[in-house]
Protein backbone atom coordinates (compact mmCIF):
# COMPACT_ATOMS: atom_id res chain seq x y z
CA MET A 1 24.63 -4.71 -0.34
CA VAL A 2 22.90 -4.83 -3.75
CA TYR A 3 24.38 -3.88 -7.11
CA TYR A 4 22.05 -2.05 -9.44
CA LYS A 5 22.16 -0.91 -13.09
CA PHE A 6 20.08 2.17 -13.77
CA GLY A 7 19.72 2.01 -17.55
CA ARG A 8 18.26 4.94 -19.48
CA CYS A 9 15.58 7.51 -18.75
CA ILE A 10 12.40 6.34 -20.47
CA ILE A 11 11.49 9.90 -21.52
CA CYS A 12 14.76 11.27 -22.99
CA THR A 13 16.60 7.90 -23.43
CA ILE A 14 19.80 9.37 -21.92
CA GLN A 15 21.81 7.22 -19.51
CA LEU A 16 20.93 7.51 -15.80
CA ASN A 17 23.46 7.43 -12.99
CA HIS A 18 23.53 7.61 -9.21
CA GLU A 19 23.48 11.41 -9.24
CA ASN A 20 20.40 11.95 -11.41
CA ALA A 21 18.23 8.83 -11.03
CA TYR A 22 14.73 9.34 -9.65
CA PHE A 23 11.86 6.87 -9.48
CA LEU A 24 8.08 6.96 -9.09
CA ASN A 25 7.05 5.57 -5.73
CA ASN A 26 3.93 3.82 -7.14
CA CYS A 27 5.63 1.77 -9.86
CA GLY A 28 9.42 2.08 -9.53
CA HIS A 29 10.15 3.32 -13.08
CA LYS A 30 13.22 5.57 -13.33
CA PHE A 31 13.74 8.98 -14.93
CA HIS A 32 15.74 12.17 -14.74
CA HIS A 33 14.15 14.53 -12.24
CA TYR A 34 13.62 17.24 -14.87
CA CYS A 35 12.05 14.79 -17.34
CA ILE A 36 9.49 13.24 -15.00
CA THR A 37 8.67 16.58 -13.33
CA ARG A 38 7.96 18.17 -16.70
CA TRP A 39 5.93 15.14 -17.82
CA ILE A 40 3.64 15.23 -14.77
CA THR A 41 3.34 19.02 -14.81
CA GLU A 42 2.80 19.58 -18.55
CA GLU A 43 1.69 16.24 -20.01
CA GLN A 44 -0.17 13.72 -17.89
CA GLN A 45 -0.33 12.82 -14.20
CA ASN A 46 0.86 9.26 -14.66
CA CYS A 47 3.93 7.17 -15.36
CA PRO A 48 4.87 7.46 -19.06
CA SER A 49 5.89 3.81 -19.05
CA CYS A 50 3.06 1.93 -17.30
CA ARG A 51 0.44 4.74 -16.98
CA VAL A 52 -0.01 4.26 -13.25
CA ALA A 53 -1.36 7.49 -11.71
CA ALA A 54 1.40 9.73 -10.32
CA THR A 55 1.88 13.19 -8.82
CA LEU A 56 4.95 15.27 -8.06
CA ASN A 57 4.90 13.90 -4.51
CA ASP A 58 5.51 10.40 -5.89
CA ILE A 59 8.92 11.35 -7.32
CA LYS A 60 11.69 9.96 -5.11
CA GLN A 61 15.47 9.99 -5.44
CA PHE A 62 17.60 6.87 -5.26
CA PHE A 63 19.99 6.95 -2.30
CA VAL A 64 23.11 5.19 -3.46
CA GLU A 65 26.83 5.08 -2.93
CA GLU A 66 29.44 4.12 -5.50
CA ALA A 67 30.46 0.50 -5.69
CA GLY A 68 34.02 -0.78 -5.48
CA ASP A 69 36.56 -0.81 -8.30
CA SER A 70 35.17 -4.09 -9.67
CA SER A 71 32.07 -2.39 -11.09
CA ASP A 72 31.64 0.01 -14.00
CA ASP A 73 30.12 3.51 -13.87
CA ASN A 74 26.58 2.19 -14.31
CA GLU A 75 26.80 -0.38 -11.51
CA LEU A 76 26.08 1.05 -8.09
CA THR A 77 25.62 -0.13 -4.55
CA GLN A 78 22.17 0.77 -3.25
CA SER A 79 21.38 1.47 0.39
CA THR A 80 19.75 -1.25 2.45
CA SER A 81 16.41 0.57 2.80
CA ASN A 82 16.03 1.15 -0.93
CA ALA A 83 17.22 -2.36 -1.67
CA VAL A 84 14.29 -3.69 0.37
CA ASN A 85 11.66 -1.30 -1.00
CA VAL A 86 12.70 -1.02 -4.65
CA VAL A 87 15.10 -3.73 -5.77
CA ASN A 88 13.84 -6.70 -3.81
CA ASN A 89 10.21 -5.55 -4.06
CA LEU A 90 9.26 -6.80 -0.60
CA ILE A 91 6.59 -4.13 -0.16
CA ALA A 92 3.72 -3.78 -2.65
CA LYS A 93 3.19 -0.27 -4.05
CA PHE A 94 -0.34 1.13 -3.91
CA VAL A 95 -1.89 1.95 -7.29
CA GLN A 96 -4.59 4.60 -7.17
CA SER A 97 -7.69 3.69 -9.18
CA ILE A 98 -10.33 6.46 -9.17
CA ASN A 99 -13.66 4.73 -8.73
CA LYS A 100 -17.29 4.81 -7.60
CA TRP A 101 -20.26 2.45 -7.48
CA ARG A 102 -21.98 2.18 -10.82
CA LYS A 103 -24.20 -0.79 -11.55
CA ASN A 104 -27.06 -2.43 -9.66
CA THR A 105 -27.22 -6.06 -10.73
CA PHE A 106 -30.47 -6.85 -8.90
CA LEU A 107 -34.15 -6.36 -9.73
CA CYS A 108 -36.17 -4.73 -6.96
CA CYS A 109 -39.36 -5.86 -8.72
CA SER A 110 -40.69 -6.88 -12.14
CA ASN A 111 -40.68 -3.21 -13.17
CA ASN A 112 -36.98 -2.78 -12.29
CA CYS A 113 -37.85 0.73 -11.11
CA ILE A 114 -34.55 1.28 -9.24
CA ASN A 115 -31.68 0.61 -11.65
CA THR A 116 -28.35 1.90 -12.94
CA ASN A 117 -30.02 4.79 -14.78
CA LYS A 118 -32.28 5.61 -11.81
CA PRO A 119 -30.15 4.68 -8.79
CA ILE A 120 -32.04 6.62 -6.09
CA GLY A 121 -35.65 6.19 -4.97
CA ASN A 122 -38.12 3.69 -3.54
CA CYS A 123 -39.46 0.57 -5.19
CA ILE A 124 -43.04 1.15 -6.34
CA GLU A 125 -44.00 -2.30 -5.04
CA GLY A 126 -42.56 -1.55 -1.60
CA ASN A 127 -39.56 -3.92 -1.83
CA GLY A 128 -36.20 -3.13 -0.29
CA THR A 129 -33.59 -1.66 -2.60
CA GLY A 130 -30.20 0.03 -2.70
CA ASN A 131 -29.73 3.72 -3.44
CA VAL A 132 -26.34 4.22 -5.15
CA ASN A 133 -24.63 7.60 -4.79
CA ASN A 134 -20.98 7.70 -5.92
CA GLU A 135 -19.06 5.86 -3.16
CA ASN A 136 -22.05 5.20 -0.92
CA VAL A 137 -24.92 2.72 -1.04
CA GLU A 138 -27.94 3.23 1.25
CA TYR A 139 -30.06 0.16 1.82
CA MET A 140 -33.76 1.10 1.78
CA ASN A 141 -35.79 -1.37 3.83
CA CYS A 142 -39.06 -2.67 2.45
CA LEU A 143 -42.49 -1.18 3.18
CA GLU A 144 -44.17 -4.01 5.04
CA GLU A 145 -47.58 -2.37 4.75
CA LYS A 146 -47.29 -2.86 0.97
CA GLY A 147 -46.32 -6.49 1.37
CA GLY A 148 -42.74 -5.84 0.26
CA PHE A 149 -39.65 -7.91 1.06
CA ASP A 150 -35.96 -7.12 1.57
CA PRO A 151 -33.75 -8.69 -1.14
CA PHE A 152 -30.01 -9.26 -1.10
CA ILE A 153 -28.73 -6.54 -3.47
CA PHE A 154 -25.51 -6.54 -5.44
CA VAL A 155 -23.60 -3.47 -6.64
CA VAL A 156 -20.54 -3.33 -8.94
CA ALA A 157 -17.91 -0.59 -9.21
CA GLU A 158 -17.46 1.47 -12.35
CA ASN A 159 -13.80 0.59 -12.92
CA SER A 160 -11.80 -2.60 -12.56
CA PHE A 161 -8.45 -3.13 -10.87
CA LYS A 162 -6.31 -3.72 -13.95
CA ARG A 163 -2.90 -5.35 -14.02
CA PRO A 164 -0.23 -2.65 -14.65
CA GLN A 165 1.85 -3.16 -17.80
CA ASN A 166 5.65 -3.09 -17.82
CA CYS A 167 5.72 -2.66 -14.04
CA PHE A 168 8.59 -4.13 -12.04
CA ASN A 169 7.15 -3.69 -8.57
CA TYR A 170 4.37 -5.60 -6.84
CA SER A 171 1.20 -3.54 -7.36
CA LEU A 172 -1.43 -3.15 -4.63
CA PHE A 173 -5.08 -2.23 -5.29
CA TYR A 174 -7.35 -1.74 -2.31
CA PHE A 175 -10.75 -0.41 -1.19
CA GLU A 176 -12.69 -0.26 2.07
CA ILE A 177 -16.32 -0.04 3.15
CA LYS A 178 -17.88 1.11 6.42
CA CYS A 179 -20.88 -1.07 7.28
CA ILE A 180 -23.93 0.64 8.77
CA PHE A 181 -26.65 -1.68 10.07
CA GLN A 182 -30.26 -0.83 9.24
CA LYS A 183 -31.91 -3.29 11.63
CA ASP A 184 -30.99 -5.08 14.83
CA GLU A 185 -30.63 -8.45 13.16
CA LYS A 186 -30.21 -10.31 9.87
CA GLU A 187 -27.67 -7.83 8.44
CA LYS A 188 -25.73 -9.30 5.55
CA CYS A 189 -22.64 -7.92 3.84
CA LEU A 190 -20.42 -9.31 1.11
CA ILE A 191 -17.24 -7.60 -0.13
CA CYS A 192 -15.52 -9.15 -3.09
CA LEU A 193 -13.54 -8.99 -6.31
CA ASN A 194 -15.75 -9.85 -9.31
CA ASP A 195 -19.38 -10.92 -9.14
CA PHE A 196 -19.65 -13.86 -6.73
CA LYS A 197 -21.29 -15.86 -9.52
CA THR A 198 -18.28 -15.57 -11.88
CA THR A 199 -15.54 -18.20 -12.17
CA ASP A 200 -12.77 -16.09 -10.63
CA SER A 201 -14.51 -14.30 -7.77
CA MET A 202 -13.04 -13.85 -4.30
CA ASN A 203 -15.48 -13.13 -1.47
CA LEU A 204 -15.65 -12.21 2.20
CA PHE A 205 -19.08 -13.12 3.60
CA ALA A 206 -18.97 -10.96 6.73
CA HIS A 207 -22.28 -12.24 8.11
CA HIS A 208 -20.97 -15.83 7.93
CA GLY A 209 -17.40 -14.97 8.90
CA ASP A 210 -15.80 -16.83 6.04
CA ILE A 211 -13.70 -16.30 2.92
CA LYS A 212 -14.64 -18.14 -0.24
CA LYS A 213 -13.21 -18.46 -3.73
CA LYS A 214 -15.61 -19.55 -6.48
CA GLY A 215 -15.48 -23.31 -6.85
CA SER A 216 -13.72 -23.99 -3.54
CA ASP A 217 -14.66 -24.56 0.08
CA ALA A 218 -15.37 -21.66 2.44
CA TYR A 219 -12.61 -20.87 4.92
CA LYS A 220 -13.83 -19.92 8.39
CA ILE A 221 -12.07 -16.89 9.93
CA GLU A 222 -11.00 -17.54 13.51
CA ASN A 223 -12.34 -15.25 16.25
CA PHE A 224 -14.32 -13.15 13.76
CA SER A 225 -17.44 -11.13 14.56
CA PHE A 226 -19.35 -8.72 12.31
CA ASN A 227 -20.47 -5.52 14.02
CA ASN A 228 -22.16 -2.22 13.23
CA ASN A 229 -19.71 0.43 11.91
CA ASP A 230 -17.04 -2.16 11.06
CA PHE A 231 -14.60 -1.22 8.30
CA LEU A 232 -14.04 -4.08 5.85
CA GLY A 233 -11.32 -3.94 3.22
CA CYS A 234 -10.38 -5.92 0.13
CA GLY A 235 -6.92 -5.89 -1.45
CA LEU A 236 -5.44 -7.24 -4.68
CA VAL A 237 -1.72 -7.66 -5.34
CA TYR A 238 -0.30 -8.23 -8.83
CA PRO A 239 3.27 -9.54 -9.21
CA PRO A 240 5.82 -7.63 -11.35
CA THR A 241 5.70 -8.06 -15.11
CA ASN A 242 8.99 -9.96 -15.09
CA LYS A 243 7.67 -12.58 -12.64
CA SER A 244 5.21 -14.35 -14.93
CA ASN A 245 5.37 -17.54 -12.85
CA GLU A 246 3.75 -15.82 -9.85
CA LEU A 247 0.00 -15.45 -9.34
CA PRO A 248 -1.90 -12.42 -8.05
CA TYR A 249 -3.53 -12.76 -4.64
CA ALA A 250 -6.41 -11.22 -2.70
CA PHE A 251 -6.71 -10.49 1.01
CA PHE A 252 -9.26 -8.95 3.39
CA THR A 253 -9.10 -6.62 6.39
CA GLN A 254 -11.34 -5.61 9.28
CA ASN A 255 -10.88 -2.31 11.11
CA GLY A 256 -7.36 -1.88 9.76
CA LYS A 257 -6.03 -5.40 10.36
CA GLN A 258 -5.71 -8.34 8.01
CA ILE A 259 -8.14 -11.18 8.71
CA GLY A 260 -7.66 -14.78 7.68
CA LYS A 261 -5.09 -15.76 5.07
CA ALA A 262 -4.60 -14.50 1.53
CA VAL A 263 -5.95 -16.44 -1.46
CA LEU A 264 -4.13 -17.03 -4.74
CA LEU A 265 -6.16 -16.08 -7.82
CA THR A 266 -5.44 -19.11 -9.96
CA HIS A 267 -7.20 -17.82 -13.08
CA ASN A 268 -4.54 -15.09 -13.21
CA SER A 269 -6.89 -12.54 -14.78
CA ASP A 270 -5.73 -9.11 -15.93
CA SER A 271 -8.59 -7.29 -14.20
CA TYR A 272 -10.84 -7.69 -11.17
CA LYS A 273 -13.84 -5.49 -10.34
CA PRO A 274 -14.77 -4.42 -6.78
CA CYS A 275 -18.26 -5.56 -5.76
CA ILE A 276 -20.51 -5.62 -2.70
CA GLY A 277 -23.63 -7.46 -1.63
CA LEU A 278 -25.98 -6.08 1.04
CA GLU A 279 -29.13 -6.82 3.00
CA HIS A 280 -30.32 -4.55 5.84
CA CYS A 281 -26.91 -2.87 5.67
CA SER A 282 -25.74 0.40 4.11
CA ILE A 283 -22.10 1.17 3.29
CA GLU A 284 -19.78 4.13 2.83
CA ALA A 285 -16.89 3.16 0.56
CA ASN A 286 -13.38 4.50 0.21
CA PHE A 287 -11.67 3.74 -3.10
CA GLY A 288 -8.65 5.88 -2.28
CA ASN A 289 -9.74 8.70 -4.59
CA ASN A 290 -8.21 11.25 -2.21
CA LEU A 291 -6.13 9.68 0.54
CA GLU A 292 -4.93 13.01 1.89
CA THR A 293 -8.42 13.96 3.06
CA LYS A 294 -9.82 10.44 3.46
CA PRO A 295 -7.13 7.87 4.32
CA PHE A 296 -7.77 4.15 4.58
CA ILE A 297 -8.12 2.59 8.02
CA TYR A 298 -5.66 -0.09 6.85
CA ASP A 299 -2.08 1.21 6.45
CA ILE A 300 -1.37 0.34 2.81
CA SER A 301 2.19 1.71 3.05
CA LYS A 302 3.14 -1.20 5.30
CA HIS A 303 1.63 -4.02 3.24
CA SER A 304 4.46 -6.55 2.99
CA LEU A 305 4.02 -9.41 0.58
CA LEU A 306 1.91 -12.17 2.13
CA LYS A 307 3.26 -15.70 2.28
CA GLU A 308 0.40 -17.68 3.85
CA PHE A 309 -2.48 -18.75 1.62
CA TYR A 310 -5.57 -20.92 1.93
């Protein structure tokens, strides 16, 4: 059994106890039920402490029983299930980050006719390009009769995955892409955190079947094959604020299952931006903007902390 001190409600600063303590499922911060309900309903849909997005459905009650006579009124024995999920932080909590694709970092031609300000259309010189539309990117093959070629394009998301502040749970960020082949061969797809040219990028080269961190060797994924309509996912886990000696890590999935090992992000940055690279391959992304209507293939609710790293 685990002993736990509730402290005070962050909103009203009045002492919490086992009868009135509620927490937000996404970050673990504690409040009175009335306080946090009113905050989300009338103020903002986020945690007033760490600003992680929150709805009324994220409000959960602590299930506790009083401790023995050796403890005071603020020290309580928490149930085994909550001790695992909340106190010991063995399961990372998903943090919703509303997002879409925003920036093309490639030049289709010297005129740069398809760009961030004009994301949809055909290259006037007949080269291949990527049409960006919110969460989707359609790869437009070249016009061979114009002498065009198909480049490897790179697209960056609008918002970064930012480290939550004053958060005492492990925080999970995640996105997925569905890969749609445009030709029968030579399809290439890269899913990553940060531009693969930056010093702290983490990449899954699906067409090679390997995971690579900038500045290190590529790690071959055993028994991996890249197929049309595969779902590839990329996750990022930040440690709690009070565990400054721990590093964030990244991991990848295919069709709902983790592939390879996780990789520690040794630069320990406060933000990482989702990115993709494509050639002869279109994608439909899911940033988790509305998981009720469009859930991930990977079950984020069961993401236990990973212990094996390259």
